[in-house]
Amino acid sequence: MTVHDQTIAKIRQLPESLVQEVNDFVEFLLMRHNRELPEIAESDFADYLTNLENYE
């Protein structure tokens, strides 16, 4: 049995409310994998600091 099959078998044992949480998490992972979400570690705060200094 593959990890994919094992995961599906475990999901089938969950109540519907937890299946929704798993679905939400899987959607998050897919978005992150597809680079639709910016990585925080890759953020450049130089512009932010400049704008903050100008604001002050």
PDB file of N, CA and C in Angstrom:
ATOM      1  N   MET A   1       0.854  -1.181   0.000  1.00  0.00           N
ATOM      2  CA  MET A   1       0.000   0.000   0.000  1.00  0.00           C
ATOM      3  C   MET A   1       0.896   1.240   0.000  1.00  0.00           C
ATOM      4  N   THR A   2       0.591   2.179  -0.884  1.00  0.00           N
ATOM      5  CA  THR A   2       1.395   3.397  -0.981  1.00  0.00           C
ATOM      6  C   THR A   2       0.985   4.398   0.099  1.00  0.00           C
ATOM      7  N   VAL A   3       1.809   5.416   0.279  1.00  0.00           N
ATOM      8  CA  VAL A   3       1.487   6.484   1.233  1.00  0.00           C
ATOM      9  C   VAL A   3       0.183   7.159   0.818  1.00  0.00           C
ATOM     10  N   HIS A   4      -0.015   7.314  -0.474  1.00  0.00           N
ATOM     11  CA  HIS A   4      -1.248   7.905  -0.999  1.00  0.00           C
ATOM     12  C   HIS A   4      -2.455   7.076  -0.544  1.00  0.00           C
ATOM     13  N   ASP A   5      -2.378   5.769  -0.711  1.00  0.00           N
ATOM     14  CA  ASP A   5      -3.469   4.868  -0.305  1.00  0.00           C
ATOM     15  C   ASP A   5      -3.674   4.899   1.212  1.00  0.00           C
ATOM     16  N   GLN A   6      -2.572   4.916   1.968  1.00  0.00           N
ATOM     17  CA  GLN A   6      -2.669   4.957   3.432  1.00  0.00           C
ATOM     18  C   GLN A   6      -3.346   6.248   3.893  1.00  0.00           C
ATOM     19  N   THR A   7      -2.995   7.345   3.259  1.00  0.00           N
ATOM     20  CA  THR A   7      -3.577   8.633   3.627  1.00  0.00           C
ATOM     21  C   THR A   7      -5.068   8.657   3.331  1.00  0.00           C
ATOM     22  N   ILE A   8      -5.460   8.168   2.179  1.00  0.00           N
ATOM     23  CA  ILE A   8      -6.879   8.114   1.822  1.00  0.00           C
ATOM     24  C   ILE A   8      -7.640   7.233   2.801  1.00  0.00           C
ATOM     25  N   ALA A   9      -7.065   6.103   3.183  1.00  0.00           N
ATOM     26  CA  ALA A   9      -7.719   5.211   4.142  1.00  0.00           C
ATOM     27  C   ALA A   9      -7.918   5.904   5.490  1.00  0.00           C
ATOM     28  N   LYS A  10      -6.934   6.673   5.924  1.00  0.00           N
ATOM     29  CA  LYS A  10      -7.056   7.397   7.194  1.00  0.00           C
ATOM     30  C   LYS A  10      -8.110   8.496   7.096  1.00  0.00           C
ATOM     31  N   ILE A  11      -8.137   9.195   5.976  1.00  0.00           N
ATOM     32  CA  ILE A  11      -9.122  10.261   5.786  1.00  0.00           C
ATOM     33  C   ILE A  11     -10.531   9.684   5.834  1.00  0.00           C
ATOM     34  N   ARG A  12     -10.724   8.518   5.280  1.00  0.00           N
ATOM     35  CA  ARG A  12     -12.057   7.881   5.272  1.00  0.00           C
ATOM     36  C   ARG A  12     -12.546   7.561   6.676  1.00  0.00           C
ATOM     37  N   GLN A  13     -11.645   7.476   7.635  1.00  0.00           N
ATOM     38  CA  GLN A  13     -12.025   7.177   9.022  1.00  0.00           C
ATOM     39  C   GLN A  13     -12.419   8.430   9.801  1.00  0.00           C
ATOM     40  N   LEU A  14     -12.135   9.604   9.250  1.00  0.00           N
ATOM     41  CA  LEU A  14     -12.378  10.858   9.961  1.00  0.00           C
ATOM     42  C   LEU A  14     -13.838  11.293   9.865  1.00  0.00           C
ATOM     43  N   PRO A  15     -14.315  12.004  10.897  1.00  0.00           N
ATOM     44  CA  PRO A  15     -15.635  12.632  10.780  1.00  0.00           C
ATOM     45  C   PRO A  15     -15.572  13.777   9.758  1.00  0.00           C
ATOM     46  N   GLU A  16     -16.716  14.132   9.210  1.00  0.00           N
ATOM     47  CA  GLU A  16     -16.785  15.134   8.138  1.00  0.00           C
ATOM     48  C   GLU A  16     -16.105  16.453   8.501  1.00  0.00           C
ATOM     49  N   SER A  17     -16.247  16.889   9.753  1.00  0.00           N
ATOM     50  CA  SER A  17     -15.636  18.161  10.147  1.00  0.00           C
ATOM     51  C   SER A  17     -14.115  18.113  10.040  1.00  0.00           C
ATOM     52  N   LEU A  18     -13.530  16.987  10.359  1.00  0.00           N
ATOM     53  CA  LEU A  18     -12.073  16.866  10.247  1.00  0.00           C
ATOM     54  C   LEU A  18     -11.639  16.692   8.797  1.00  0.00           C
ATOM     55  N   VAL A  19     -12.472  16.072   7.999  1.00  0.00           N
ATOM     56  CA  VAL A  19     -12.163  15.951   6.569  1.00  0.00           C
ATOM     57  C   VAL A  19     -12.066  17.342   5.947  1.00  0.00           C
ATOM     58  N   GLN A  20     -12.932  18.253   6.380  1.00  0.00           N
ATOM     59  CA  GLN A  20     -12.874  19.631   5.876  1.00  0.00           C
ATOM     60  C   GLN A  20     -11.551  20.289   6.264  1.00  0.00           C
ATOM     61  N   GLU A  21     -11.081  20.049   7.485  1.00  0.00           N
ATOM     62  CA  GLU A  21      -9.793  20.608   7.903  1.00  0.00           C
ATOM     63  C   GLU A  21      -8.652  20.041   7.066  1.00  0.00           C
ATOM     64  N   VAL A  22      -8.697  18.748   6.804  1.00  0.00           N
ATOM     65  CA  VAL A  22      -7.671  18.115   5.970  1.00  0.00           C
ATOM     66  C   VAL A  22      -7.713  18.720   4.572  1.00  0.00           C
ATOM     67  N   ASN A  23      -8.904  18.897   4.043  1.00  0.00           N
ATOM     68  CA  ASN A  23      -9.060  19.492   2.713  1.00  0.00           C
ATOM     69  C   ASN A  23      -8.477  20.903   2.669  1.00  0.00           C
ATOM     70  N   ASP A  24      -8.755  21.690   3.696  1.00  0.00           N
ATOM     71  CA  ASP A  24      -8.209  23.048   3.764  1.00  0.00           C
ATOM     72  C   ASP A  24      -6.684  23.020   3.786  1.00  0.00           C
ATOM     73  N   PHE A  25      -6.124  22.099   4.554  1.00  0.00           N
ATOM     74  CA  PHE A  25      -4.667  22.006   4.650  1.00  0.00           C
ATOM     75  C   PHE A  25      -4.060  21.558   3.324  1.00  0.00           C
ATOM     76  N   VAL A  26      -4.711  20.609   2.663  1.00  0.00           N
ATOM     77  CA  VAL A  26      -4.212  20.154   1.366  1.00  0.00           C
ATOM     78  C   VAL A  26      -4.249  21.297   0.357  1.00  0.00           C
ATOM     79  N   GLU A  27      -5.303  22.093   0.375  1.00  0.00           N
ATOM     80  CA  GLU A  27      -5.372  23.256  -0.515  1.00  0.00           C
ATOM     81  C   GLU A  27      -4.228  24.221  -0.230  1.00  0.00           C
ATOM     82  N   PHE A  28      -3.926  24.443   1.051  1.00  0.00           N
ATOM     83  CA  PHE A  28      -2.806  25.305   1.422  1.00  0.00           C
ATOM     84  C   PHE A  28      -1.488  24.748   0.871  1.00  0.00           C
ATOM     85  N   LEU A  29      -1.268  23.458   1.039  1.00  0.00           N
ATOM     86  CA  LEU A  29      -0.045  22.845   0.542  1.00  0.00           C
ATOM     87  C   LEU A  29       0.069  22.976  -0.972  1.00  0.00           C
ATOM     88  N   LEU A  30      -1.043  22.791  -1.669  1.00  0.00           N
ATOM     89  CA  LEU A  30      -1.020  22.919  -3.127  1.00  0.00           C
ATOM     90  C   LEU A  30      -0.705  24.345  -3.549  1.00  0.00           C
ATOM     91  N   MET A  31      -1.288  25.314  -2.874  1.00  0.00           N
ATOM     92  CA  MET A  31      -0.994  26.706  -3.208  1.00  0.00           C
ATOM     93  C   MET A  31       0.476  27.016  -2.950  1.00  0.00           C
ATOM     94  N   ARG A  32       0.983  26.557  -1.815  1.00  0.00           N
ATOM     95  CA  ARG A  32       2.393  26.816  -1.494  1.00  0.00           C
ATOM     96  C   ARG A  32       3.297  26.137  -2.508  1.00  0.00           C
ATOM     97  N   HIS A  33       2.940  24.932  -2.883  1.00  0.00           N
ATOM     98  CA  HIS A  33       3.738  24.179  -3.856  1.00  0.00           C
ATOM     99  C   HIS A  33       3.742  24.881  -5.214  1.00  0.00           C
ATOM    100  N   ASN A  34       2.627  25.467  -5.570  1.00  0.00           N
ATOM    101  CA  ASN A  34       2.507  26.167  -6.854  1.00  0.00           C
ATOM    102  C   ASN A  34       2.984  27.608  -6.782  1.00  0.00           C
ATOM    103  N   ARG A  35       3.535  27.992  -5.629  1.00  0.00           N
ATOM    104  CA  ARG A  35       4.087  29.336  -5.429  1.00  0.00           C
ATOM    105  C   ARG A  35       3.038  30.434  -5.540  1.00  0.00           C
ATOM    106  N   GLU A  36       1.791  30.114  -5.222  1.00  0.00           N
ATOM    107  CA  GLU A  36       0.761  31.141  -5.232  1.00  0.00           C
ATOM    108  C   GLU A  36       0.818  31.979  -3.955  1.00  0.00           C
ATOM    109  N   LEU A  37       1.422  31.440  -2.916  1.00  0.00           N
ATOM    110  CA  LEU A  37       1.600  32.188  -1.683  1.00  0.00           C
ATOM    111  C   LEU A  37       3.049  32.650  -1.601  1.00  0.00           C
ATOM    112  N   PRO A  38       3.287  33.903  -1.317  1.00  0.00           N
ATOM    113  CA  PRO A  38       4.680  34.350  -1.170  1.00  0.00           C
ATOM    114  C   PRO A  38       5.300  33.735   0.080  1.00  0.00           C
ATOM    115  N   GLU A  39       6.535  33.354  -0.031  1.00  0.00           N
ATOM    116  CA  GLU A  39       7.255  32.819   1.117  1.00  0.00           C
ATOM    117  C   GLU A  39       7.710  33.969   2.001  1.00  0.00           C
ATOM    118  N   ILE A  40       7.433  33.907   3.273  1.00  0.00           N
ATOM    119  CA  ILE A  40       7.807  34.980   4.192  1.00  0.00           C
ATOM    120  C   ILE A  40       9.319  35.149   4.226  1.00  0.00           C
ATOM    121  N   ALA A  41      10.049  34.055   4.168  1.00  0.00           N
ATOM    122  CA  ALA A  41      11.508  34.126   4.232  1.00  0.00           C
ATOM    123  C   ALA A  41      12.078  34.855   3.024  1.00  0.00           C
ATOM    124  N   GLU A  42      11.330  34.879   1.917  1.00  0.00           N
ATOM    125  CA  GLU A  42      11.817  35.527   0.714  1.00  0.00           C
ATOM    126  C   GLU A  42      11.407  37.000   0.638  1.00  0.00           C
ATOM    127  N   SER A  43      10.656  37.473   1.602  1.00  0.00           N
ATOM    128  CA  SER A  43      10.183  38.849   1.568  1.00  0.00           C
ATOM    129  C   SER A  43      11.350  39.816   1.730  1.00  0.00           C
ATOM    130  N   ASP A  44      11.269  40.921   1.018  1.00  0.00           N
ATOM    131  CA  ASP A  44      12.282  41.953   1.108  1.00  0.00           C
ATOM    132  C   ASP A  44      11.678  43.122   1.873  1.00  0.00           C
ATOM    133  N   PHE A  45      12.196  43.395   3.056  1.00  0.00           N
ATOM    134  CA  PHE A  45      11.645  44.422   3.915  1.00  0.00           C
ATOM    135  C   PHE A  45      12.305  45.783   3.701  1.00  0.00           C
ATOM    136  N   ALA A  46      13.196  45.895   2.738  1.00  0.00           N
ATOM    137  CA  ALA A  46      13.880  47.166   2.502  1.00  0.00           C
ATOM    138  C   ALA A  46      12.878  48.257   2.143  1.00  0.00           C
ATOM    139  N   ASP A  47      11.983  47.990   1.222  1.00  0.00           N
ATOM    140  CA  ASP A  47      10.973  48.981   0.857  1.00  0.00           C
ATOM    141  C   ASP A  47      10.060  49.290   2.026  1.00  0.00           C
ATOM    142  N   TYR A  48       9.741  48.261   2.800  1.00  0.00           N
ATOM    143  CA  TYR A  48       8.867  48.463   3.955  1.00  0.00           C
ATOM    144  C   TYR A  48       9.508  49.432   4.947  1.00  0.00           C
ATOM    145  N   LEU A  49      10.784  49.237   5.228  1.00  0.00           N
ATOM    146  CA  LEU A  49      11.475  50.109   6.179  1.00  0.00           C
ATOM    147  C   LEU A  49      11.567  51.538   5.663  1.00  0.00           C
ATOM    148  N   THR A  50      11.842  51.690   4.376  1.00  0.00           N
ATOM    149  CA  THR A  50      11.897  53.026   3.781  1.00  0.00           C
ATOM    150  C   THR A  50      10.553  53.712   3.887  1.00  0.00           C
ATOM    151  N   ASN A  51       9.492  52.983   3.554  1.00  0.00           N
ATOM    152  CA  ASN A  51       8.147  53.559   3.644  1.00  0.00           C
ATOM    153  C   ASN A  51       7.781  53.892   5.081  1.00  0.00           C
ATOM    154  N   LEU A  52       8.214  53.072   6.016  1.00  0.00           N
ATOM    155  CA  LEU A  52       7.938  53.317   7.427  1.00  0.00           C
ATOM    156  C   LEU A  52       8.657  54.585   7.901  1.00  0.00           C
ATOM    157  N   GLU A  53       9.909  54.738   7.501  1.00  0.00           N
ATOM    158  CA  GLU A  53      10.657  55.949   7.872  1.00  0.00           C
ATOM    159  C   GLU A  53      10.009  57.195   7.274  1.00  0.00           C
ATOM    160  N   ASN A  54       9.547  57.100   6.041  1.00  0.00           N
ATOM    161  CA  ASN A  54       8.871  58.243   5.410  1.00  0.00           C
ATOM    162  C   ASN A  54       7.558  58.550   6.120  1.00  0.00           C
ATOM    163  N   TYR A  55       6.884  57.538   6.590  1.00  0.00           N
ATOM    164  CA  TYR A  55       5.619  57.724   7.277  1.00  0.00           C
ATOM    165  C   TYR A  55       5.825  58.444   8.610  1.00  0.00           C
ATOM    166  N   GLU A  56       6.882  58.076   9.307  1.00  0.00           N
ATOM    167  CA  GLU A  56       7.155  58.660  10.613  1.00  0.00           C
ATOM    168  C   GLU A  56       7.541  60.109  10.449  1.00  0.00           C
TER     169      GLU A  56
END
